[in-house]
Protein backbone atom coordinates (compact mmCIF):
# COMPACT_ATOMS: atom_id res chain seq x y z
CA MET A 1 33.58 -53.34 -28.99
CA LEU A 2 33.49 -50.78 -26.25
CA GLY A 3 31.89 -47.48 -27.31
CA THR A 4 30.09 -48.85 -30.39
CA GLY A 5 26.74 -47.50 -29.19
CA ILE A 6 28.21 -44.05 -28.72
CA LEU A 7 29.67 -44.07 -32.21
CA LYS A 8 26.35 -45.18 -33.72
CA GLY A 9 24.53 -42.40 -31.88
CA MET A 10 27.02 -39.79 -33.04
CA ALA A 11 26.68 -41.08 -36.63
CA VAL A 12 22.89 -40.65 -36.51
CA THR A 13 23.29 -37.15 -35.07
CA ALA A 14 25.82 -36.20 -37.77
CA LYS A 15 23.56 -37.61 -40.49
CA ASN A 16 20.57 -35.60 -39.27
CA PHE A 17 22.69 -32.49 -38.87
CA VAL A 18 24.02 -32.62 -42.42
CA GLY A 19 20.67 -33.65 -43.82
CA SER A 20 18.89 -30.72 -42.18
CA TYR A 21 20.64 -28.40 -44.62
CA HIS A 22 19.40 -30.30 -47.66
CA ASP A 23 16.17 -32.02 -46.60
CA SER A 24 13.25 -29.78 -47.63
CA GLU A 25 10.76 -31.82 -45.63
CA HIS A 26 12.68 -31.36 -42.37
CA PRO A 27 14.36 -27.95 -42.54
CA LEU A 28 16.34 -26.34 -39.76
CA THR A 29 14.22 -25.23 -36.83
CA THR A 30 16.60 -22.41 -35.99
CA SER A 31 15.53 -18.91 -37.06
CA GLU A 32 17.51 -15.68 -37.19
CA TYR A 33 15.64 -13.90 -34.40
CA PRO A 34 14.59 -11.08 -34.30
CA GLU A 35 14.77 -10.65 -38.09
CA GLN A 36 12.92 -13.94 -38.53
CA ARG A 37 10.05 -14.77 -36.21
CA ILE A 38 8.19 -18.01 -35.73
CA ALA A 39 4.44 -17.64 -35.25
CA PRO A 40 3.45 -18.79 -31.75
CA LYS A 41 1.33 -21.90 -31.34
CA GLU A 42 -2.35 -21.49 -30.58
CA ASN A 43 -1.99 -23.02 -27.11
CA ALA A 44 0.95 -20.77 -26.22
CA ARG A 45 0.42 -18.51 -23.21
CA GLN A 46 2.44 -15.75 -21.63
CA PHE A 47 0.62 -13.12 -19.57
CA PRO A 48 -3.04 -12.21 -18.98
CA PHE A 49 -5.03 -9.49 -20.73
CA LEU A 50 -8.58 -8.15 -20.30
CA VAL A 51 -11.14 -8.65 -23.08
CA HIS A 52 -13.49 -5.87 -24.19
CA ASP A 53 -16.34 -5.99 -26.73
CA THR A 54 -16.83 -2.35 -27.74
CA GLU A 55 -14.79 0.40 -29.33
CA ASP A 56 -14.48 2.08 -25.94
CA ALA A 57 -12.23 -0.35 -24.11
CA MET A 58 -13.08 0.89 -20.62
CA LYS A 59 -16.85 0.76 -21.15
CA GLY A 60 -16.72 -2.57 -22.95
CA LEU A 61 -14.69 -4.54 -20.42
CA ARG A 62 -16.29 -7.86 -19.51
CA CYS A 63 -14.76 -7.71 -16.05
CA VAL A 64 -17.27 -7.01 -13.26
CA ALA A 65 -14.66 -6.73 -10.50
CA CYS A 66 -15.79 -9.92 -8.75
CA GLN A 67 -12.18 -10.29 -7.52
CA ILE A 68 -12.18 -14.09 -7.88
CA CYS A 69 -8.97 -14.00 -9.93
CA GLU A 70 -7.33 -11.75 -7.34
CA LYS A 71 -8.16 -14.20 -4.55
CA GLU A 72 -7.15 -17.34 -6.51
CA CYS A 73 -3.87 -15.97 -7.95
CA PRO A 74 -1.03 -18.04 -6.40
CA PRO A 75 1.65 -15.29 -6.44
CA GLN A 76 -0.94 -12.59 -5.57
CA CYS A 77 0.08 -10.36 -8.46
CA ILE A 78 -3.44 -9.07 -9.30
CA TYR A 79 -4.83 -5.96 -7.59
CA ILE A 80 -8.49 -4.93 -8.12
CA VAL A 81 -10.61 -2.09 -6.76
CA LYS A 82 -14.31 -2.39 -7.58
CA SER A 83 -16.60 0.52 -8.37
CA LYS A 84 -19.36 1.79 -6.09
CA ASP A 85 -21.79 2.38 -8.96
CA LYS A 86 -23.03 0.11 -11.75
CA ARG A 87 -23.23 0.33 -15.52
CA ALA A 88 -24.60 -1.82 -18.32
CA ASP A 89 -22.35 -4.68 -19.39
CA TYR A 90 -22.13 -6.45 -22.76
CA LYS A 91 -25.43 -8.23 -21.97
CA GLY A 92 -27.21 -5.02 -21.06
CA GLN A 93 -27.29 -5.91 -17.36
CA MET A 94 -26.21 -3.48 -14.67
CA GLN A 95 -22.90 -4.62 -13.19
CA LEU A 96 -20.01 -3.31 -11.16
CA TYR A 97 -16.74 -2.61 -12.95
CA PRO A 98 -13.06 -2.35 -11.96
CA VAL A 99 -11.89 1.13 -11.04
CA THR A 100 -8.41 -0.31 -10.72
CA PHE A 101 -7.10 -3.52 -12.27
CA ASP A 102 -3.33 -3.97 -12.05
CA ILE A 103 -1.13 -6.98 -12.74
CA ASP A 104 2.51 -7.18 -11.72
CA LEU A 105 4.06 -9.08 -14.63
CA SER A 106 7.38 -9.36 -12.79
CA VAL A 107 5.60 -11.69 -10.35
CA CYS A 108 3.09 -13.40 -12.67
CA MET A 109 3.94 -17.06 -13.29
CA SER A 110 1.62 -17.50 -16.32
CA CYS A 111 -0.26 -20.32 -14.59
CA GLN A 112 -3.61 -19.33 -16.21
CA ILE A 113 -5.56 -19.94 -13.00
CA CYS A 114 -7.10 -16.47 -13.32
CA VAL A 115 -8.50 -17.52 -16.71
CA GLU A 116 -9.85 -20.81 -15.40
CA VAL A 117 -11.73 -19.29 -12.46
CA CYS A 118 -13.20 -16.27 -14.28
CA PRO A 119 -16.98 -16.83 -14.75
CA PHE A 120 -17.35 -13.94 -17.22
CA GLU A 121 -14.77 -14.85 -19.92
CA ALA A 122 -13.15 -11.53 -19.05
CA ILE A 123 -9.47 -12.43 -18.71
CA LYS A 124 -7.42 -14.48 -21.16
CA MET A 125 -3.78 -15.36 -21.78
CA ASP A 126 -1.80 -13.43 -24.37
CA THR A 127 1.07 -14.74 -26.52
CA GLU A 128 3.21 -11.60 -26.33
CA PHE A 129 6.55 -12.24 -24.67
CA GLU A 130 8.76 -9.31 -25.70
CA LEU A 131 8.27 -7.29 -22.55
CA SER A 132 11.87 -6.40 -21.68
CA ASN A 133 12.04 -3.20 -19.72
CA THR A 134 14.70 -1.11 -18.02
CA ASP A 135 12.36 -0.54 -15.06
CA ARG A 136 12.01 -3.93 -13.45
CA PHE A 137 9.13 -2.96 -11.17
CA GLY A 138 7.29 0.08 -12.48
CA GLY A 139 7.71 -0.94 -16.10
CA LEU A 140 6.14 -4.36 -15.52
CA LEU A 141 3.25 -3.16 -13.38
CA VAL A 142 0.47 -2.81 -15.99
CA ASN A 143 -2.96 -1.25 -15.47
CA LYS A 144 -6.36 -1.92 -17.05
CA HIS A 145 -5.67 0.51 -19.90
CA GLN A 146 -2.60 -1.50 -20.90
CA LEU A 147 -4.31 -4.84 -20.29
CA ALA A 148 -7.47 -4.11 -22.31
CA LYS A 149 -7.54 -5.74 -25.75
CA PRO A 150 -10.49 -6.35 -28.11
CA ASN A 151 -12.17 -9.70 -28.56
CA GLU A 152 -10.82 -9.72 -32.14
CA HIS A 153 -7.32 -10.06 -30.69
CA TYR A 154 -8.43 -13.09 -28.70
CA ARG A 155 -9.97 -14.62 -31.82
CA LYS A 156 -6.71 -14.07 -33.67
CA ILE A 157 -4.34 -15.69 -31.17
CA HIS A 158 -6.66 -18.41 -29.81
CA PRO A 159 -9.32 -19.03 -32.49
CA THR A 160 -10.53 -22.37 -31.12
CA GLU A 161 -10.94 -21.15 -27.55
CA ALA A 162 -12.47 -17.88 -28.75
CA ALA A 163 -15.11 -19.73 -30.77
CA VAL A 164 -16.18 -21.70 -27.69
CA SER A 165 -16.17 -18.54 -25.58
CA ASP A 166 -18.22 -16.60 -28.15
CA ALA A 167 -20.78 -19.39 -28.35
CA SER A 168 -21.14 -19.48 -24.58
CA LEU A 169 -21.54 -15.70 -24.37
CA ALA A 170 -24.07 -15.72 -27.22
CA VAL A 171 -26.24 -18.13 -25.23
CA GLU A 172 -26.00 -15.91 -22.15
CA VAL A 173 -26.85 -12.79 -24.16
CA ALA A 174 -29.85 -14.55 -25.71
CA LYS A 175 -31.07 -15.58 -22.24
CA ALA A 176 -30.61 -12.06 -20.92
CA GLN A 177 -32.49 -10.57 -23.87
CA ALA A 178 -35.32 -13.10 -23.51
CA LYS A 179 -35.59 -12.33 -19.79
CA ALA A 180 -35.61 -8.59 -20.46
CA LYS A 181 -38.30 -9.03 -23.11
CA ALA A 182 -40.40 -11.17 -20.76
CA ASP A 183 -40.06 -8.56 -18.01
CA VAL A 184 -41.19 -5.79 -20.38
CA GLU A 185 -44.17 -7.86 -21.52
CA ALA A 186 -45.11 -8.71 -17.91
CA LYS A 187 -44.95 -5.03 -16.92
CA ALA A 188 -47.04 -4.03 -19.95
CA LYS A 189 -49.62 -6.71 -19.12
CA ALA A 190 -49.79 -5.63 -15.49
CA ALA A 191 -50.19 -2.00 -16.55
CA ALA A 192 -52.97 -2.93 -18.99
CA GLU A 193 -54.80 -4.92 -16.30
CA ALA A 194 -54.50 -2.06 -13.82
CA LYS A 195 -55.81 0.37 -16.43
CA ALA A 196 -58.76 -1.90 -17.22
CA LYS A 197 -59.63 -2.20 -13.53
CA ALA A 198 -59.41 1.57 -13.09
CA GLU A 199 -61.68 2.17 -16.08
CA ALA A 200 -64.21 -0.40 -14.76
CA ALA A 201 -64.18 1.21 -11.33
CA ALA A 202 -64.69 4.66 -12.85
CA ALA A 203 -67.66 3.41 -14.88
CA ALA A 204 -69.27 1.86 -11.78
CA GLY A 205 -69.13 5.15 -9.87
CA PRO A 206 -67.10 6.43 -6.95
CA ILE A 207 -65.75 3.70 -4.76
CA GLY A 208 -67.35 3.37 -1.31
CA THR A 209 -70.76 5.04 -2.04
CA ALA A 210 -73.87 2.91 -1.95
CA PRO A 211 -76.43 3.38 -4.70
CA THR A 212 -79.27 5.76 -3.69
CA ALA A 213 -82.66 4.05 -3.18
CA PRO A 214 -85.57 5.54 -5.16
CA ALA A 215 -87.91 7.84 -3.18
CA PRO A 216 -91.17 6.12 -2.03
CA LYS A 217 -94.33 7.02 -3.93
CA PRO A 218 -96.89 9.14 -1.96
CA THR A 219 -99.79 7.07 -0.57
CA ALA A 220 -103.50 7.90 -1.28
CA PRO A 221 -105.37 9.86 1.50
CA ALA A 222 -107.26 7.68 3.93
CA ALA A 223 -111.01 7.25 3.30
CA ALA A 224 -113.31 9.47 5.33
CA SER A 225 -114.41 7.85 8.53
CA ALA A 226 -117.99 6.59 8.71
CA ALA A 227 -120.62 9.19 9.81
CA PRO A 228 -121.65 8.96 13.45
CA PRO A 229 -125.02 7.28 14.09
CA ALA A 230 -128.08 9.53 14.41
CA ALA A 231 -129.19 10.48 17.89
């Protein structure tokens, strides 16, 4: 009979529709937004944010203004100005930092390329999507103060990725601390050796003066010459 397949499909749809109101194992997926909100999935991504590791967001930013994300961004929506001076980063190493870090969210396509190319685990993707604004351009141009969020936020929205990132950073911090300790020990050893050499040189006398030879002992007077023969 013509149309039997369509009728069977509609019957299945009607059965699932009616059953969704009574089946506790497969409830309705529709929620009364915004009163009811569905928690985002861990792999959800919306727009980038900058990670910091200290209470002072600006001093604790992981970003070192390498500008790789700015260069690799397909829509060119990232704008960075690097500093002229350096300060200690989360590893205790002196690094540059971004004086300006802006992202135009009205242009961002949430491709996550900036996250993939960042070698410092400094930029990650957020799950926040409620960014409606009456100012289409100025309201969606966010600076580093608006982008900065603590590492705890990253652990909350992407716990699996954050665990891997934390482990990688812990290894780098351990290497940096070991290198710093080795440098301190090497400098201390070199200073001790220089001090020992200086003390040895001081004990040996002034440098460049030859030791004074002892004065010769006076010789005995020559024996009287023999008397002349008699005439």
